[in-house]
Amino acid sequence: MLLDLRAIAFPNTQFRASFAQPLSGSGSSVNLCGQQGPVPAHTRVAYLWASRISNMRVPAIRIGDANFVPAGEKTPLPVDVPEPGWKYLDRVREWALVNGQQTKTPISVVKLGNPRALELDLTKAKLPPGEYTLTGLWDWTPLKALGSVNVRDLNEFRTARLDPASQDRLLGDSGKAPVTLWGKDFEFTTRVELQKLLDEFAKPESVPFLLPKGLA
């Protein structure tokens, strides 16, 4: 009976399986790739593409306190997602950041391993500084992360300076000396180096540093 129904509903049609291939740099767009070959006369080809439904509830995504990300960069965003939602979080599509005026900006998001984090790719998104909500689609159900994402511009540190007390500690052969820098926000700093000026052969040396409130 099914074969008869197919012949009645789709006469002179040959069905072929296909699979989806994501297009790089195009958000949620995909190419459908299928079998090619000769087609019988007076026959049209229909490609079938199926998407497996996860049969799960929308996962709860909670953004932590380290929710500041620099504009125009790829940045890991720590999140809390209970199992088994974390296992299938790759199924979320059409990620976007939404501002207070409900303007949606599509972005690329990649699930990272350990620690649990989502890498937000803002290299192609023109986002002004501000507070945003992270959204997506779980199958066809809208998903909204709990908490906010704060986008900030990267500082160039041209006005950064040592405080006077720290400057007084910098004496030759005095050993380790803690110093304090002021003038800009260092929240995205991942490496600090010290290099002697006016010495073309001097090499920068890495020095330990501490962010009072932590990274981001």
Protein backbone atom coordinates (compact mmCIF):
# COMPACT_ATOMS: atom_id res chain seq x y z
CA MET A 1 0.00 0.00 0.00
CA LEU A 2 2.85 2.36 0.83
CA LEU A 3 4.42 1.76 -2.55
CA ASP A 4 1.10 2.51 -4.22
CA LEU A 5 0.70 5.73 -2.22
CA ARG A 6 4.19 6.84 -3.23
CA ALA A 7 3.39 6.23 -6.89
CA ILE A 8 0.12 8.17 -6.58
CA ALA A 9 1.52 11.13 -4.57
CA PHE A 10 4.89 11.33 -6.37
CA PRO A 11 4.56 9.92 -9.85
CA ASN A 12 7.73 9.52 -11.90
CA THR A 13 9.89 10.45 -8.90
CA GLN A 14 13.09 8.78 -7.74
CA PHE A 15 13.99 9.35 -4.08
CA ARG A 16 17.62 9.67 -3.03
CA ALA A 17 19.14 10.15 0.42
CA SER A 18 21.16 13.27 1.24
CA PHE A 19 23.09 14.66 4.19
CA ALA A 20 23.68 18.19 5.45
CA GLN A 21 27.10 19.84 5.21
CA PRO A 22 27.43 23.15 7.17
CA LEU A 23 28.73 26.10 5.18
CA SER A 24 31.71 27.77 6.82
CA GLY A 25 31.21 31.38 7.85
CA SER A 26 27.50 31.43 6.98
CA GLY A 27 25.77 30.95 10.32
CA SER A 28 23.17 28.19 10.09
CA SER A 29 23.28 27.69 6.29
CA VAL A 30 23.93 24.19 4.97
CA ASN A 31 24.57 22.39 1.71
CA LEU A 32 22.58 19.24 1.00
CA CYS A 33 24.86 16.61 -0.54
CA GLY A 34 23.37 13.58 -2.29
CA GLN A 35 24.04 10.81 -4.77
CA GLN A 36 24.54 11.78 -8.38
CA GLY A 37 24.09 9.60 -11.41
CA PRO A 38 21.95 8.95 -14.48
CA VAL A 39 18.20 9.38 -14.10
CA PRO A 40 15.66 7.33 -16.06
CA ALA A 41 13.75 9.16 -18.76
CA HIS A 42 10.74 11.21 -17.65
CA THR A 43 11.84 10.88 -14.00
CA ARG A 44 12.63 13.60 -11.51
CA VAL A 45 14.89 13.24 -8.46
CA ALA A 46 13.78 14.08 -4.91
CA TYR A 47 16.41 14.28 -2.17
CA LEU A 48 15.40 13.33 1.37
CA TRP A 49 17.13 14.85 4.39
CA ALA A 50 16.21 13.93 7.97
CA SER A 51 17.33 15.57 11.21
CA ARG A 52 17.32 13.44 14.33
CA ILE A 53 15.29 14.94 17.16
CA SER A 54 17.05 14.63 20.52
CA ASN A 55 13.85 13.72 22.43
CA MET A 56 15.08 15.79 25.38
CA ARG A 57 13.97 18.91 27.15
CA VAL A 58 15.67 22.21 26.42
CA PRO A 59 18.96 22.20 28.40
CA ALA A 60 19.42 24.81 31.11
CA ILE A 61 22.49 26.98 30.47
CA ARG A 62 23.66 29.17 33.35
CA ILE A 63 26.36 31.76 32.71
CA GLY A 64 28.75 32.34 35.64
CA ASP A 65 30.29 35.50 37.06
CA ALA A 66 33.15 35.55 34.51
CA ASN A 67 30.78 36.82 31.83
CA PHE A 68 32.81 39.67 30.29
CA VAL A 69 34.13 39.05 26.76
CA PRO A 70 36.18 41.32 24.46
CA ALA A 71 34.62 42.52 21.22
CA GLY A 72 36.04 41.10 18.00
CA GLU A 73 37.70 38.08 19.64
CA LYS A 74 37.14 34.38 20.30
CA THR A 75 36.59 33.95 24.03
CA PRO A 76 35.65 30.97 26.24
CA LEU A 77 32.59 31.67 28.38
CA PRO A 78 32.30 29.42 31.48
CA VAL A 79 28.81 27.91 31.79
CA ASP A 80 27.00 25.46 34.02
CA VAL A 81 24.95 22.88 32.09
CA PRO A 82 23.68 19.74 33.88
CA GLU A 83 23.93 16.32 32.29
CA PRO A 84 22.71 15.01 29.92
CA GLY A 85 22.07 18.45 28.37
CA TRP A 86 25.80 19.15 28.17
CA LYS A 87 26.39 15.95 26.21
CA TYR A 88 24.00 17.02 23.45
CA LEU A 89 24.64 20.77 23.55
CA ASP A 90 26.17 20.61 20.06
CA ARG A 91 22.62 20.26 18.76
CA VAL A 92 21.88 23.91 19.58
CA ARG A 93 21.86 25.98 16.39
CA GLU A 94 21.38 29.60 15.34
CA TRP A 95 23.26 31.03 18.31
CA ALA A 96 22.85 34.77 18.74
CA LEU A 97 23.44 37.63 21.16
CA VAL A 98 20.37 39.81 21.82
CA ASN A 99 20.63 43.33 23.24
CA GLY A 100 18.10 45.26 25.32
CA GLN A 101 16.27 46.45 22.18
CA GLN A 102 15.81 42.79 21.11
CA THR A 103 18.21 43.19 18.20
CA LYS A 104 19.64 39.77 17.39
CA THR A 105 23.23 39.34 16.17
CA PRO A 106 24.12 35.83 14.93
CA ILE A 107 27.42 34.43 16.24
CA SER A 108 29.32 31.15 16.08
CA VAL A 109 29.49 29.11 19.29
CA VAL A 110 31.63 26.01 19.92
CA LYS A 111 31.30 23.70 22.92
CA LEU A 112 34.63 23.28 24.69
CA GLY A 113 35.67 20.36 26.87
CA ASN A 114 37.19 20.81 30.31
CA PRO A 115 36.41 23.11 32.03
CA ARG A 116 32.91 23.44 30.64
CA ALA A 117 32.71 26.53 28.50
CA LEU A 118 31.26 27.87 25.27
CA GLU A 119 33.63 29.63 22.89
CA LEU A 120 31.94 32.76 21.55
CA ASP A 121 33.31 33.88 18.19
CA LEU A 122 32.82 37.64 17.84
CA THR A 123 35.44 38.12 15.12
CA LYS A 124 32.76 38.69 12.47
CA ALA A 125 30.09 40.24 14.69
CA LYS A 126 29.97 44.02 14.97
CA LEU A 127 28.77 44.38 18.53
CA PRO A 128 28.96 47.63 20.47
CA PRO A 129 29.85 47.38 24.18
CA GLY A 130 26.88 46.43 26.31
CA GLU A 131 24.94 43.65 28.00
CA TYR A 132 23.51 40.83 25.89
CA THR A 133 21.47 37.65 26.24
CA LEU A 134 22.73 34.41 24.67
CA THR A 135 20.02 32.59 22.67
CA GLY A 136 19.70 29.69 20.25
CA LEU A 137 17.38 26.99 18.93
CA TRP A 138 17.09 23.52 20.44
CA ASP A 139 15.59 21.63 17.53
CA TRP A 140 12.75 24.12 16.90
CA THR A 141 12.39 25.31 20.49
CA PRO A 142 13.87 28.70 21.46
CA LEU A 143 16.67 28.48 24.05
CA LYS A 144 17.74 31.31 26.36
CA ALA A 145 20.74 31.14 28.67
CA LEU A 146 20.35 32.29 32.27
CA GLY A 147 22.58 35.26 32.99
CA SER A 148 24.04 37.86 30.68
CA VAL A 149 27.07 38.34 28.44
CA ASN A 150 28.88 41.66 28.79
CA VAL A 151 30.82 42.79 25.72
CA ARG A 152 33.67 45.24 26.26
CA ASP A 153 36.28 46.87 24.03
CA LEU A 154 39.90 45.79 24.45
CA ASN A 155 42.11 48.39 26.14
CA GLU A 156 45.43 49.41 24.59
CA PHE A 157 46.95 50.34 27.99
CA ARG A 158 48.51 53.54 26.66
CA THR A 159 47.57 55.35 29.88
CA ALA A 160 48.39 52.46 32.25
CA ARG A 161 50.92 53.38 34.94
CA LEU A 162 52.58 52.18 38.13
CA ASP A 163 51.34 53.67 41.37
CA PRO A 164 54.01 55.72 43.19
CA ALA A 165 54.47 53.20 46.01
CA SER A 166 55.14 50.42 43.50
CA GLN A 167 57.67 52.57 41.65
CA ASP A 168 59.63 53.10 44.88
CA ARG A 169 59.93 49.31 45.36
CA LEU A 170 61.70 48.79 42.04
CA LEU A 171 65.32 48.82 43.18
CA GLY A 172 68.15 46.95 41.50
CA ASP A 173 69.09 43.58 43.05
CA SER A 174 66.23 43.87 45.54
CA GLY A 175 64.61 40.55 44.58
CA LYS A 176 60.89 40.08 44.07
CA ALA A 177 58.78 43.22 44.36
CA PRO A 178 54.96 43.31 44.05
CA VAL A 179 53.72 46.26 42.01
CA THR A 180 50.29 47.66 41.22
CA LEU A 181 49.16 49.00 37.84
CA TRP A 182 46.38 51.56 37.40
CA GLY A 183 44.71 53.42 34.58
CA LYS A 184 42.89 50.74 32.60
CA ASP A 185 40.91 47.52 32.99
CA PHE A 186 43.19 44.47 32.82
CA GLU A 187 40.38 41.89 33.02
CA PHE A 188 41.30 40.23 29.69
CA THR A 189 45.03 40.04 30.43
CA THR A 190 46.48 36.56 29.89
CA ARG A 191 50.24 37.30 29.89
CA VAL A 192 52.55 39.96 31.32
CA GLU A 193 56.17 40.46 30.23
CA LEU A 194 58.97 42.79 31.30
CA GLN A 195 61.48 44.09 28.75
CA LYS A 196 64.37 46.55 29.11
CA LEU A 197 64.04 49.71 27.04
CA LEU A 198 66.68 51.03 24.64
CA ASP A 199 68.33 47.62 24.38
CA GLU A 200 67.91 46.00 21.00
CA PHE A 201 69.18 42.66 22.31
CA ALA A 202 66.87 42.56 25.33
CA LYS A 203 64.33 39.75 25.40
CA PRO A 204 60.97 40.04 27.17
CA GLU A 205 60.71 37.99 30.36
CA SER A 206 57.41 36.61 31.61
CA VAL A 207 56.36 37.74 35.10
CA PRO A 208 53.52 36.38 37.27
CA PHE A 209 50.48 38.55 37.77
CA LEU A 210 47.22 38.52 39.72
CA LEU A 211 43.80 39.87 38.72
CA PRO A 212 41.93 40.89 41.90
CA LYS A 213 38.55 39.73 40.56
CA GLY A 214 39.82 37.02 38.26
CA LEU A 215 39.83 36.70 34.46
CA ALA A 216 36.93 38.33 32.58
